[in-house]
Amino acid sequence: MDFMKLAKERFSVRKFTDQPVEQEKLDVILEAGRVAPTACNKQPQKVYVLRSEEALAKINSLCKCIFGAKTVLMITCDKNLEWQNPLEAGVCAGVQDISIAATHMMLAAWEQGIGSCWVNYFAPTEIAKAFNLPDNEQLVLLMPLGYAAEGVKPAPLHEASRDIKEMVTYL
């Protein structure tokens, strides 16, 4: 698929069918996240694939934005692996790296007919505790994955983008 077409057509899916995501398709999605560029190739991304009834029940009890997905990616940043800017203390690239990897996974999913939604509306500390995440991992986002339910359409604001002149300044 043409990249610009893919980027423009993909939208957040907020209602999924019960059809499971095939392992082959999930493998492609995860590989897209694995090969995503990261600062100094540190690769701080860690992906937990929630598919068991127990894991899905737990995440549904902690986050109301799973939308019936039967696969949820819980994506964390290993703080021990993230790049630290040597020119300014406390400036690091971990969350940016995770965002790049997650975007790669979302686009790879869409290319295969799998919908996704970027979810940040949750209490990360509560979820990290419930899933016994190590202290060095920061939960960055949840990504429900699956086949869009019949009639699902992009949100009204999907195509409402600011004009390019408002976003770009040439110096």
N, C-alpha and C. Protein backbone atom coordinates (compact mmCIF):
# COMPACT_ATOMS: atom_id res chain seq x y z
N MET A 1 0.85 -1.18 0.00
CA MET A 1 0.00 0.00 0.00
C MET A 1 0.89 1.24 0.00
N ASP A 2 0.49 2.25 -0.71
CA ASP A 2 1.17 3.54 -0.73
C ASP A 2 1.17 4.13 0.69
N PHE A 3 2.33 4.64 1.13
CA PHE A 3 2.44 5.12 2.51
C PHE A 3 1.46 6.25 2.83
N MET A 4 1.37 7.26 1.99
CA MET A 4 0.48 8.38 2.29
C MET A 4 -0.98 7.93 2.34
N LYS A 5 -1.33 7.01 1.49
CA LYS A 5 -2.69 6.46 1.52
C LYS A 5 -2.92 5.74 2.85
N LEU A 6 -1.96 4.92 3.25
CA LEU A 6 -2.04 4.20 4.52
C LEU A 6 -2.16 5.19 5.68
N ALA A 7 -1.30 6.20 5.70
CA ALA A 7 -1.30 7.17 6.79
C ALA A 7 -2.61 7.95 6.87
N LYS A 8 -3.19 8.28 5.73
CA LYS A 8 -4.43 9.05 5.72
C LYS A 8 -5.66 8.20 6.03
N GLU A 9 -5.65 6.93 5.60
CA GLU A 9 -6.83 6.08 5.78
C GLU A 9 -6.95 5.50 7.19
N ARG A 10 -5.82 5.23 7.83
CA ARG A 10 -5.85 4.60 9.15
C ARG A 10 -6.57 5.50 10.16
N PHE A 11 -7.43 4.90 10.96
CA PHE A 11 -8.11 5.66 12.01
C PHE A 11 -8.23 4.79 13.26
N SER A 12 -8.49 5.42 14.39
CA SER A 12 -8.63 4.70 15.65
C SER A 12 -9.93 3.91 15.65
N VAL A 13 -9.82 2.63 15.90
CA VAL A 13 -10.98 1.74 15.98
C VAL A 13 -11.37 1.62 17.45
N ARG A 14 -12.64 1.89 17.74
CA ARG A 14 -13.11 1.88 19.12
C ARG A 14 -14.23 0.87 19.36
N LYS A 15 -14.33 -0.10 18.45
CA LYS A 15 -15.27 -1.22 18.64
C LYS A 15 -14.78 -2.36 17.76
N PHE A 16 -14.54 -3.51 18.40
CA PHE A 16 -13.96 -4.65 17.70
C PHE A 16 -14.91 -5.83 17.68
N THR A 17 -14.70 -6.72 16.69
CA THR A 17 -15.43 -7.98 16.64
C THR A 17 -14.76 -8.97 17.60
N ASP A 18 -15.35 -10.14 17.73
CA ASP A 18 -14.75 -11.20 18.55
C ASP A 18 -13.70 -12.00 17.79
N GLN A 19 -13.54 -11.74 16.49
CA GLN A 19 -12.58 -12.50 15.69
C GLN A 19 -11.16 -12.22 16.19
N PRO A 20 -10.44 -13.28 16.54
CA PRO A 20 -9.07 -13.06 17.03
C PRO A 20 -8.12 -12.64 15.91
N VAL A 21 -7.09 -11.91 16.29
CA VAL A 21 -6.03 -11.54 15.34
C VAL A 21 -5.17 -12.78 15.14
N GLU A 22 -4.98 -13.17 13.90
CA GLU A 22 -4.18 -14.35 13.59
C GLU A 22 -2.73 -14.11 14.03
N GLN A 23 -2.09 -15.19 14.51
CA GLN A 23 -0.71 -15.09 15.00
C GLN A 23 0.23 -14.55 13.92
N GLU A 24 0.02 -14.96 12.67
CA GLU A 24 0.88 -14.50 11.58
C GLU A 24 0.80 -12.98 11.43
N LYS A 25 -0.40 -12.44 11.55
CA LYS A 25 -0.57 -10.99 11.44
C LYS A 25 0.01 -10.28 12.66
N LEU A 26 -0.20 -10.86 13.82
CA LEU A 26 0.37 -10.28 15.04
C LEU A 26 1.89 -10.28 14.96
N ASP A 27 2.47 -11.33 14.42
CA ASP A 27 3.93 -11.39 14.27
C ASP A 27 4.45 -10.26 13.39
N VAL A 28 3.73 -9.94 12.32
CA VAL A 28 4.14 -8.84 11.44
C VAL A 28 4.05 -7.51 12.20
N ILE A 29 2.98 -7.34 12.96
CA ILE A 29 2.80 -6.11 13.74
C ILE A 29 3.94 -5.94 14.75
N LEU A 30 4.25 -7.01 15.46
CA LEU A 30 5.32 -6.95 16.46
C LEU A 30 6.68 -6.72 15.81
N GLU A 31 6.90 -7.32 14.64
CA GLU A 31 8.16 -7.12 13.92
C GLU A 31 8.30 -5.66 13.49
N ALA A 32 7.21 -5.02 13.10
CA ALA A 32 7.26 -3.60 12.73
C ALA A 32 7.72 -2.76 13.92
N GLY A 33 7.29 -3.11 15.11
CA GLY A 33 7.74 -2.41 16.30
C GLY A 33 9.19 -2.70 16.63
N ARG A 34 9.62 -3.91 16.35
CA ARG A 34 11.00 -4.31 16.64
C ARG A 34 11.99 -3.56 15.76
N VAL A 35 11.65 -3.34 14.50
CA VAL A 35 12.59 -2.71 13.57
C VAL A 35 12.46 -1.19 13.53
N ALA A 36 11.58 -0.63 14.33
CA ALA A 36 11.40 0.83 14.35
C ALA A 36 12.69 1.51 14.80
N PRO A 37 12.97 2.68 14.24
CA PRO A 37 14.17 3.40 14.66
C PRO A 37 14.04 3.90 16.09
N THR A 38 15.15 3.85 16.82
CA THR A 38 15.22 4.38 18.18
C THR A 38 16.53 5.14 18.33
N ALA A 39 16.58 6.05 19.28
CA ALA A 39 17.78 6.85 19.50
C ALA A 39 18.97 5.94 19.78
N CYS A 40 20.02 6.10 19.00
CA CYS A 40 21.25 5.30 19.12
C CYS A 40 20.96 3.80 19.09
N ASN A 41 19.85 3.42 18.48
CA ASN A 41 19.42 2.02 18.38
C ASN A 41 19.38 1.32 19.74
N LYS A 42 18.99 2.07 20.78
CA LYS A 42 18.93 1.52 22.14
C LYS A 42 17.78 0.52 22.31
N GLN A 43 16.72 0.67 21.52
CA GLN A 43 15.58 -0.25 21.52
C GLN A 43 14.99 -0.48 22.93
N PRO A 44 14.49 0.58 23.56
CA PRO A 44 13.95 0.43 24.91
C PRO A 44 12.53 -0.13 24.97
N GLN A 45 11.92 -0.41 23.81
CA GLN A 45 10.54 -0.86 23.79
C GLN A 45 10.41 -2.30 24.30
N LYS A 46 9.37 -2.51 25.10
CA LYS A 46 9.00 -3.84 25.57
C LYS A 46 7.50 -3.95 25.35
N VAL A 47 7.08 -5.04 24.72
CA VAL A 47 5.66 -5.22 24.40
C VAL A 47 5.13 -6.45 25.12
N TYR A 48 4.09 -6.26 25.90
CA TYR A 48 3.38 -7.37 26.54
C TYR A 48 2.11 -7.59 25.72
N VAL A 49 1.90 -8.82 25.26
CA VAL A 49 0.73 -9.16 24.46
C VAL A 49 -0.30 -9.79 25.40
N LEU A 50 -1.41 -9.09 25.58
CA LEU A 50 -2.48 -9.58 26.45
C LEU A 50 -3.52 -10.27 25.58
N ARG A 51 -3.64 -11.58 25.78
CA ARG A 51 -4.61 -12.37 24.99
C ARG A 51 -5.40 -13.35 25.84
N SER A 52 -4.86 -13.74 26.97
CA SER A 52 -5.55 -14.73 27.81
C SER A 52 -6.79 -14.09 28.43
N GLU A 53 -7.77 -14.92 28.76
CA GLU A 53 -8.98 -14.41 29.40
C GLU A 53 -8.65 -13.66 30.68
N GLU A 54 -7.71 -14.21 31.44
CA GLU A 54 -7.31 -13.59 32.71
C GLU A 54 -6.70 -12.20 32.49
N ALA A 55 -5.76 -12.11 31.55
CA ALA A 55 -5.10 -10.82 31.28
C ALA A 55 -6.10 -9.80 30.73
N LEU A 56 -6.99 -10.23 29.83
CA LEU A 56 -7.97 -9.31 29.26
C LEU A 56 -8.98 -8.85 30.32
N ALA A 57 -9.39 -9.74 31.20
CA ALA A 57 -10.30 -9.35 32.28
C ALA A 57 -9.63 -8.33 33.19
N LYS A 58 -8.36 -8.56 33.48
CA LYS A 58 -7.62 -7.64 34.35
C LYS A 58 -7.50 -6.26 33.70
N ILE A 59 -7.09 -6.20 32.43
CA ILE A 59 -6.90 -4.90 31.79
C ILE A 59 -8.25 -4.20 31.60
N ASN A 60 -9.31 -4.95 31.32
CA ASN A 60 -10.64 -4.34 31.19
C ASN A 60 -11.13 -3.76 32.51
N SER A 61 -10.70 -4.34 33.63
CA SER A 61 -11.11 -3.81 34.93
C SER A 61 -10.34 -2.54 35.28
N LEU A 62 -9.20 -2.33 34.64
CA LEU A 62 -8.33 -1.19 34.95
C LEU A 62 -8.39 -0.08 33.91
N CYS A 63 -8.94 -0.37 32.75
CA CYS A 63 -9.00 0.61 31.66
C CYS A 63 -10.31 0.42 30.91
N LYS A 64 -11.07 1.48 30.79
CA LYS A 64 -12.38 1.40 30.13
C LYS A 64 -12.29 1.60 28.62
N CYS A 65 -11.09 1.70 28.09
CA CYS A 65 -10.91 2.00 26.66
C CYS A 65 -10.28 0.84 25.91
N ILE A 66 -10.73 -0.37 26.16
CA ILE A 66 -10.21 -1.54 25.44
C ILE A 66 -11.13 -1.90 24.28
N PHE A 67 -12.38 -1.46 24.34
CA PHE A 67 -13.33 -1.52 23.22
C PHE A 67 -13.63 -2.94 22.73
N GLY A 68 -13.55 -3.92 23.62
CA GLY A 68 -13.88 -5.29 23.24
C GLY A 68 -12.79 -6.03 22.49
N ALA A 69 -11.59 -5.46 22.41
CA ALA A 69 -10.48 -6.12 21.70
C ALA A 69 -10.09 -7.41 22.41
N LYS A 70 -9.74 -8.41 21.62
CA LYS A 70 -9.29 -9.71 22.15
C LYS A 70 -7.77 -9.80 22.19
N THR A 71 -7.10 -8.75 21.71
CA THR A 71 -5.65 -8.63 21.82
C THR A 71 -5.36 -7.19 22.22
N VAL A 72 -4.56 -7.03 23.25
CA VAL A 72 -4.15 -5.69 23.69
C VAL A 72 -2.63 -5.71 23.86
N LEU A 73 -1.97 -4.73 23.26
CA LEU A 73 -0.53 -4.58 23.46
C LEU A 73 -0.32 -3.57 24.58
N MET A 74 0.45 -3.97 25.56
CA MET A 74 0.83 -3.09 26.66
C MET A 74 2.30 -2.76 26.40
N ILE A 75 2.58 -1.50 26.06
CA ILE A 75 3.91 -1.14 25.58
C ILE A 75 4.61 -0.27 26.62
N THR A 76 5.78 -0.74 27.03
CA THR A 76 6.54 -0.04 28.06
C THR A 76 7.89 0.41 27.52
N CYS A 77 8.52 1.29 28.30
CA CYS A 77 9.86 1.77 28.00
C CYS A 77 10.79 1.29 29.12
N ASP A 78 11.81 0.56 28.74
CA ASP A 78 12.82 0.13 29.71
C ASP A 78 13.73 1.33 29.97
N LYS A 79 13.59 1.92 31.16
CA LYS A 79 14.34 3.13 31.50
C LYS A 79 15.85 2.87 31.55
N ASN A 80 16.25 1.61 31.70
CA ASN A 80 17.68 1.28 31.70
C ASN A 80 18.27 1.28 30.29
N LEU A 81 17.40 1.22 29.28
CA LEU A 81 17.88 1.16 27.90
C LEU A 81 17.68 2.46 27.13
N GLU A 82 16.85 3.37 27.64
CA GLU A 82 16.58 4.59 26.88
C GLU A 82 17.82 5.46 26.77
N TRP A 83 17.93 6.16 25.64
CA TRP A 83 19.05 7.06 25.39
C TRP A 83 18.93 8.29 26.28
N GLN A 84 20.03 8.67 26.91
CA GLN A 84 20.11 9.86 27.76
C GLN A 84 20.93 10.92 27.03
N ASN A 85 20.41 12.11 26.94
CA ASN A 85 21.12 13.20 26.27
C ASN A 85 22.28 13.67 27.16
N PRO A 86 23.52 13.52 26.70
CA PRO A 86 24.66 13.91 27.52
C PRO A 86 24.81 15.43 27.66
N LEU A 87 24.07 16.19 26.86
CA LEU A 87 24.19 17.64 26.90
C LEU A 87 23.26 18.30 27.91
N GLU A 88 22.26 17.53 28.39
CA GLU A 88 21.33 18.09 29.36
C GLU A 88 20.75 16.96 30.21
N ALA A 89 21.01 17.04 31.50
CA ALA A 89 20.54 16.00 32.43
C ALA A 89 19.02 15.89 32.40
N GLY A 90 18.54 14.68 32.44
CA GLY A 90 17.11 14.44 32.50
C GLY A 90 16.40 14.41 31.16
N VAL A 91 17.10 14.74 30.09
CA VAL A 91 16.49 14.71 28.76
C VAL A 91 16.81 13.36 28.14
N CYS A 92 15.76 12.61 27.86
CA CYS A 92 15.96 11.27 27.30
C CYS A 92 14.95 11.04 26.17
N ALA A 93 15.15 9.96 25.43
CA ALA A 93 14.35 9.71 24.23
C ALA A 93 13.41 8.51 24.37
N GLY A 94 13.24 7.99 25.56
CA GLY A 94 12.46 6.77 25.73
C GLY A 94 11.03 6.84 25.23
N VAL A 95 10.27 7.84 25.67
CA VAL A 95 8.87 7.93 25.26
C VAL A 95 8.77 8.18 23.76
N GLN A 96 9.68 8.98 23.20
CA GLN A 96 9.67 9.20 21.76
C GLN A 96 9.94 7.89 21.02
N ASP A 97 10.91 7.11 21.51
CA ASP A 97 11.21 5.82 20.87
C ASP A 97 10.00 4.89 20.91
N ILE A 98 9.32 4.85 22.04
CA ILE A 98 8.14 3.99 22.16
C ILE A 98 7.05 4.48 21.21
N SER A 99 6.91 5.78 21.08
CA SER A 99 5.91 6.34 20.18
C SER A 99 6.19 5.97 18.73
N ILE A 100 7.46 6.00 18.34
CA ILE A 100 7.82 5.60 16.98
C ILE A 100 7.49 4.13 16.76
N ALA A 101 7.88 3.27 17.70
CA ALA A 101 7.61 1.83 17.57
C ALA A 101 6.11 1.56 17.51
N ALA A 102 5.35 2.24 18.38
CA ALA A 102 3.90 2.03 18.41
C ALA A 102 3.25 2.48 17.11
N THR A 103 3.71 3.59 16.56
CA THR A 103 3.16 4.06 15.29
C THR A 103 3.46 3.07 14.17
N HIS A 104 4.66 2.54 14.15
CA HIS A 104 4.99 1.50 13.17
C HIS A 104 4.01 0.32 13.30
N MET A 105 3.74 -0.10 14.53
CA MET A 105 2.84 -1.24 14.75
C MET A 105 1.41 -0.92 14.31
N MET A 106 0.95 0.30 14.59
CA MET A 106 -0.40 0.68 14.18
C MET A 106 -0.55 0.67 12.66
N LEU A 107 0.44 1.19 11.97
CA LEU A 107 0.37 1.23 10.50
C LEU A 107 0.51 -0.17 9.90
N ALA A 108 1.37 -0.99 10.49
CA ALA A 108 1.51 -2.38 10.02
C ALA A 108 0.20 -3.14 10.23
N ALA A 109 -0.47 -2.87 11.35
CA ALA A 109 -1.75 -3.52 11.62
C ALA A 109 -2.78 -3.13 10.57
N TRP A 110 -2.89 -1.84 10.31
CA TRP A 110 -3.88 -1.35 9.35
C TRP A 110 -3.65 -1.93 7.97
N GLU A 111 -2.39 -2.03 7.59
CA GLU A 111 -2.05 -2.58 6.27
C GLU A 111 -2.57 -4.01 6.11
N GLN A 112 -2.73 -4.71 7.23
CA GLN A 112 -3.22 -6.10 7.21
C GLN A 112 -4.70 -6.21 7.54
N GLY A 113 -5.39 -5.08 7.62
CA GLY A 113 -6.81 -5.11 7.92
C GLY A 113 -7.13 -5.19 9.40
N ILE A 114 -6.16 -4.90 10.24
CA ILE A 114 -6.34 -4.95 11.69
C ILE A 114 -6.43 -3.52 12.23
N GLY A 115 -7.47 -3.25 12.99
CA GLY A 115 -7.63 -1.93 13.59
C GLY A 115 -6.90 -1.84 14.92
N SER A 116 -6.68 -0.61 15.35
CA SER A 116 -6.00 -0.35 16.62
C SER A 116 -6.47 0.98 17.16
N CYS A 117 -6.10 1.24 18.41
CA CYS A 117 -6.37 2.53 19.02
C CYS A 117 -5.26 2.81 20.02
N TRP A 118 -4.73 4.01 19.98
CA TRP A 118 -3.70 4.44 20.92
C TRP A 118 -4.42 4.87 22.19
N VAL A 119 -4.16 4.22 23.32
CA VAL A 119 -4.86 4.53 24.56
C VAL A 119 -3.87 4.98 25.63
N ASN A 120 -4.13 6.17 26.17
CA ASN A 120 -3.36 6.70 27.29
C ASN A 120 -4.25 7.00 28.49
N TYR A 121 -5.54 6.75 28.37
CA TYR A 121 -6.49 7.09 29.43
C TYR A 121 -6.57 5.94 30.43
N PHE A 122 -5.59 5.90 31.33
CA PHE A 122 -5.51 4.86 32.35
C PHE A 122 -4.54 5.33 33.43
N ALA A 123 -4.53 4.63 34.54
CA ALA A 123 -3.59 4.92 35.63
C ALA A 123 -2.39 3.99 35.48
N PRO A 124 -1.27 4.49 34.95
CA PRO A 124 -0.13 3.61 34.66
C PRO A 124 0.43 2.89 35.88
N THR A 125 0.49 3.57 37.01
CA THR A 125 1.04 2.94 38.22
C THR A 125 0.18 1.76 38.66
N GLU A 126 -1.13 1.94 38.58
CA GLU A 126 -2.07 0.88 38.97
C GLU A 126 -1.94 -0.34 38.04
N ILE A 127 -1.84 -0.10 36.75
CA ILE A 127 -1.70 -1.21 35.80
C ILE A 127 -0.35 -1.89 35.96
N ALA A 128 0.71 -1.10 36.12
CA ALA A 128 2.04 -1.68 36.31
C ALA A 128 2.06 -2.60 37.53
N LYS A 129 1.42 -2.17 38.59
CA LYS A 129 1.35 -2.99 39.81
C LYS A 129 0.53 -4.27 39.57
N ALA A 130 -0.61 -4.13 38.91
CA ALA A 130 -1.49 -5.28 38.66
C ALA A 130 -0.81 -6.35 37.80
N PHE A 131 0.06 -5.91 36.87
CA PHE A 131 0.74 -6.85 35.98
C PHE A 131 2.18 -7.14 36.42
N ASN A 132 2.54 -6.67 37.61
CA ASN A 132 3.88 -6.92 38.17
C ASN A 132 5.00 -6.50 37.22
N LEU A 133 4.85 -5.32 36.62
CA LEU A 133 5.90 -4.83 35.74
C LEU A 133 7.12 -4.44 36.57
N PRO A 134 8.31 -4.66 36.04
CA PRO A 134 9.52 -4.28 36.78
C PRO A 134 9.59 -2.76 36.98
N ASP A 135 10.26 -2.34 38.04
CA ASP A 135 10.36 -0.92 38.36
C ASP A 135 11.05 -0.11 37.26
N ASN A 136 11.91 -0.74 36.48
CA ASN A 136 12.63 -0.01 35.43
C ASN A 136 11.80 0.19 34.16
N GLU A 137 10.57 -0.30 34.14
CA GLU A 137 9.72 -0.14 32.96
C GLU A 137 8.61 0.86 33.21
N GLN A 138 8.48 1.81 32.29
CA GLN A 138 7.43 2.82 32.34
C GLN A 138 6.36 2.45 31.32
N LEU A 139 5.13 2.27 31.77
CA LEU A 139 4.03 1.99 30.86
C LEU A 139 3.71 3.25 30.07
N VAL A 140 3.80 3.17 28.75
CA VAL A 140 3.60 4.34 27.89
C VAL A 140 2.21 4.34 27.26
N LEU A 141 1.76 3.18 26.77
CA LEU A 141 0.44 3.14 26.14
C LEU A 141 -0.10 1.72 26.11
N LEU A 142 -1.40 1.65 25.90
CA LEU A 142 -2.10 0.41 25.60
C LEU A 142 -2.58 0.51 24.17
N MET A 143 -2.53 -0.62 23.46
CA MET A 143 -2.99 -0.63 22.07
C MET A 143 -3.92 -1.82 21.84
N PRO A 144 -5.24 -1.61 21.97
CA PRO A 144 -6.17 -2.66 21.59
C PRO A 144 -6.04 -2.93 20.09
N LEU A 145 -6.08 -4.20 19.72
CA LEU A 145 -5.97 -4.62 18.31
C LEU A 145 -7.11 -5.55 17.97
N GLY A 146 -7.58 -5.48 16.73
CA GLY A 146 -8.59 -6.43 16.29
C GLY A 146 -9.25 -5.98 15.00
N TYR A 147 -10.26 -6.75 14.62
CA TYR A 147 -11.04 -6.43 13.43
C TYR A 147 -12.15 -5.46 13.82
N ALA A 148 -12.29 -4.40 13.05
CA ALA A 148 -13.30 -3.39 13.34
C ALA A 148 -14.69 -4.00 13.23
N ALA A 149 -15.55 -3.66 14.19
CA ALA A 149 -16.94 -4.11 14.15
C ALA A 149 -17.65 -3.44 12.97
N GLU A 150 -18.71 -4.09 12.52
CA GLU A 150 -19.48 -3.56 11.39
C GLU A 150 -19.96 -2.15 11.69
N GLY A 151 -19.82 -1.28 10.72
CA GLY A 151 -20.30 0.08 10.86
C GLY A 151 -19.34 1.05 11.52
N VAL A 152 -18.19 0.57 11.97
CA VAL A 152 -17.22 1.46 12.62
C VAL A 152 -16.67 2.44 11.59
N LYS A 153 -16.66 3.69 11.97
CA LYS A 153 -16.17 4.75 11.07
C LYS A 153 -15.18 5.62 11.84
N PRO A 154 -14.40 6.40 11.11
CA PRO A 154 -13.50 7.33 11.80
C PRO A 154 -14.28 8.33 12.65
N ALA A 155 -13.67 8.77 13.73
CA ALA A 155 -14.28 9.81 14.56
C ALA A 155 -14.43 11.09 13.73
N PRO A 156 -15.39 11.93 14.08
CA PRO A 156 -15.62 13.16 13.30
C PRO A 156 -14.36 14.02 13.12
N LEU A 157 -13.48 14.02 14.07
CA LEU A 157 -12.28 14.86 13.97
C LEU A 157 -11.15 14.21 13.19
N HIS A 158 -11.34 12.99 12.71
CA HIS A 158 -10.27 12.27 12.03
C HIS A 158 -9.65 13.07 10.89
N GLU A 159 -10.45 13.71 10.10
CA GLU A 159 -9.93 14.43 8.94
C GLU A 159 -9.70 15.91 9.22
N ALA A 160 -9.93 16.34 10.46
CA ALA A 160 -9.76 17.75 10.81
C ALA A 160 -8.30 18.00 11.20
N SER A 161 -7.49 18.28 10.22
CA SER A 161 -6.08 18.58 10.47
C SER A 161 -5.84 20.06 10.25
N ARG A 162 -4.95 20.60 11.06
CA ARG A 162 -4.55 21.99 10.86
C ARG A 162 -3.90 22.13 9.49
N ASP A 163 -3.97 23.30 8.94
CA ASP A 163 -3.32 23.58 7.67
C ASP A 163 -1.81 23.44 7.84
N ILE A 164 -1.15 22.94 6.82
CA ILE A 164 0.30 22.73 6.86
C ILE A 164 1.04 24.03 7.20
N LYS A 165 0.51 25.17 6.78
CA LYS A 165 1.15 26.46 7.06
C LYS A 165 1.15 26.79 8.55
N GLU A 166 0.21 26.21 9.29
CA GLU A 166 0.16 26.41 10.74
C GLU A 166 1.16 25.53 11.47
N MET A 167 1.63 24.48 10.81
CA MET A 167 2.52 23.51 11.44
C MET A 167 3.98 23.67 11.06
N VAL A 168 4.22 24.30 9.92
CA VAL A 168 5.58 24.34 9.38
C VAL A 168 6.05 25.78 9.29
N THR A 169 7.26 26.01 9.75
CA THR A 169 7.92 27.30 9.60
C THR A 169 9.27 27.06 8.95
N TYR A 170 9.51 27.74 7.87
CA TYR A 170 10.82 27.66 7.21
C TYR A 170 11.70 28.77 7.77
N LEU A 171 12.89 28.43 8.17
CA LEU A 171 13.83 29.43 8.71
C LEU A 171 15.01 29.60 7.80
